[in-house]
Amino acid sequence: MKIEISKENWDALNESIIIWATRARGVEFKRDCPLCRLDTEGDCSACPIALFTGKTGCHGTPYFDWEDGLDDTFYAKKELRFLKKVREACVVKKSS
């Protein structure tokens, strides 16, 4: 079953993938997350990552290993692969 997300979240997910692809090549990129910018409630309730993992705050992803600076490129590549899996699991909600 696919995870239904808004077009706005779909676009933000794709923007996040671009950011992580850049980081995976060893280039630092803006640090703010397009998905987090959409989360005006602060609860991750519509975030495709949270819907995929069942956890909030990017827990259950490689993000925190990357943020800890363990191996920036290695964990950026892991996060990129993870986000692509999230995207494969998602579909844009149809307008009613």
Protein backbone atom coordinates (compact mmCIF):
# COMPACT_ATOMS: atom_id res chain seq x y z
CA MET A 1 0.00 0.00 0.00
CA LYS A 2 1.27 3.46 -0.91
CA ILE A 3 1.55 6.36 1.51
CA GLU A 4 -0.60 9.24 0.31
CA ILE A 5 1.01 12.67 0.67
CA SER A 6 0.18 16.17 -0.55
CA LYS A 7 1.73 17.58 -3.71
CA GLU A 8 3.49 20.12 -1.48
CA ASN A 9 5.10 17.31 0.57
CA TRP A 10 5.96 15.42 -2.63
CA ASP A 11 7.80 18.48 -3.94
CA ALA A 12 9.55 18.98 -0.59
CA LEU A 13 10.60 15.31 -0.57
CA ASN A 14 12.11 15.72 -4.03
CA GLU A 15 13.88 18.89 -2.92
CA SER A 16 15.28 16.96 0.05
CA ILE A 17 16.56 14.27 -2.30
CA ILE A 18 18.39 16.91 -4.32
CA ILE A 19 19.96 18.32 -1.15
CA TRP A 20 21.13 14.87 -0.01
CA ALA A 21 22.45 13.99 -3.48
CA THR A 22 24.57 17.12 -3.27
CA ARG A 23 25.79 16.21 0.22
CA ALA A 24 26.54 12.66 -0.94
CA ARG A 25 28.94 14.15 -3.49
CA GLY A 26 30.79 15.83 -0.62
CA VAL A 27 29.36 19.30 -1.17
CA GLU A 28 27.77 21.03 1.82
CA PHE A 29 24.32 22.34 1.06
CA LYS A 30 21.75 24.40 2.93
CA ARG A 31 20.96 22.69 6.19
CA ASP A 32 17.25 23.37 6.56
CA CYS A 33 14.93 20.57 5.58
CA PRO A 34 12.17 21.38 3.06
CA LEU A 35 9.88 18.86 4.78
CA CYS A 36 10.46 20.40 8.21
CA ARG A 37 9.65 23.85 6.80
CA LEU A 38 6.17 22.54 5.93
CA ASP A 39 5.61 21.16 9.44
CA THR A 40 3.92 24.18 10.99
CA GLU A 41 2.48 22.08 13.85
CA GLY A 42 5.86 20.64 14.84
CA ASP A 43 4.50 17.11 15.09
CA CYS A 44 5.66 15.56 11.78
CA SER A 45 2.10 14.33 11.21
CA ALA A 46 2.15 14.90 7.44
CA CYS A 47 5.86 14.23 6.88
CA PRO A 48 6.44 11.35 4.46
CA ILE A 49 9.50 10.27 6.48
CA ALA A 50 7.44 9.99 9.69
CA LEU A 51 4.65 8.22 7.83
CA PHE A 52 7.19 5.76 6.39
CA THR A 53 9.07 5.04 9.65
CA GLY A 54 6.25 5.52 12.13
CA LYS A 55 8.60 7.78 14.12
CA THR A 56 8.87 11.55 14.43
CA GLY A 57 11.87 13.85 14.22
CA CYS A 58 13.71 11.77 11.58
CA HIS A 59 14.29 8.96 14.08
CA GLY A 60 14.74 5.65 12.29
CA THR A 61 16.77 7.29 9.50
CA PRO A 62 20.53 7.75 8.89
CA TYR A 63 20.13 11.49 9.52
CA PHE A 64 21.53 11.57 13.06
CA ASP A 65 24.64 9.58 12.11
CA TRP A 66 25.28 12.16 9.39
CA GLU A 67 24.59 15.05 11.78
CA ASP A 68 27.02 13.56 14.32
CA GLY A 69 29.70 13.89 11.64
CA LEU A 70 30.69 10.23 11.75
CA ASP A 71 31.37 10.09 8.01
CA ASP A 72 29.57 12.85 6.17
CA THR A 73 29.66 11.36 2.68
CA PHE A 74 28.92 7.79 3.76
CA TYR A 75 25.88 8.75 5.84
CA ALA A 76 24.72 11.31 3.27
CA LYS A 77 24.62 8.47 0.74
CA LYS A 78 22.68 6.31 3.20
CA GLU A 79 20.19 9.13 3.81
CA LEU A 80 19.84 9.65 0.05
CA ARG A 81 19.06 5.95 -0.50
CA PHE A 82 16.61 6.07 2.40
CA LEU A 83 14.78 9.11 1.00
CA LYS A 84 14.50 7.42 -2.39
CA LYS A 85 12.86 4.43 -0.67
CA VAL A 86 10.44 6.80 1.05
CA ARG A 87 9.61 8.38 -2.31
CA GLU A 88 9.00 4.96 -3.87
CA ALA A 89 6.50 4.25 -1.08
CA CYS A 90 4.59 7.50 -1.64
CA VAL A 91 1.95 8.72 -4.02
CA VAL A 92 0.45 12.21 -4.34
CA LYS A 93 -3.09 12.44 -2.96
CA LYS A 94 -5.67 13.06 -5.63
CA SER A 95 -7.62 16.29 -5.26
CA SER A 96 -11.23 15.84 -4.31
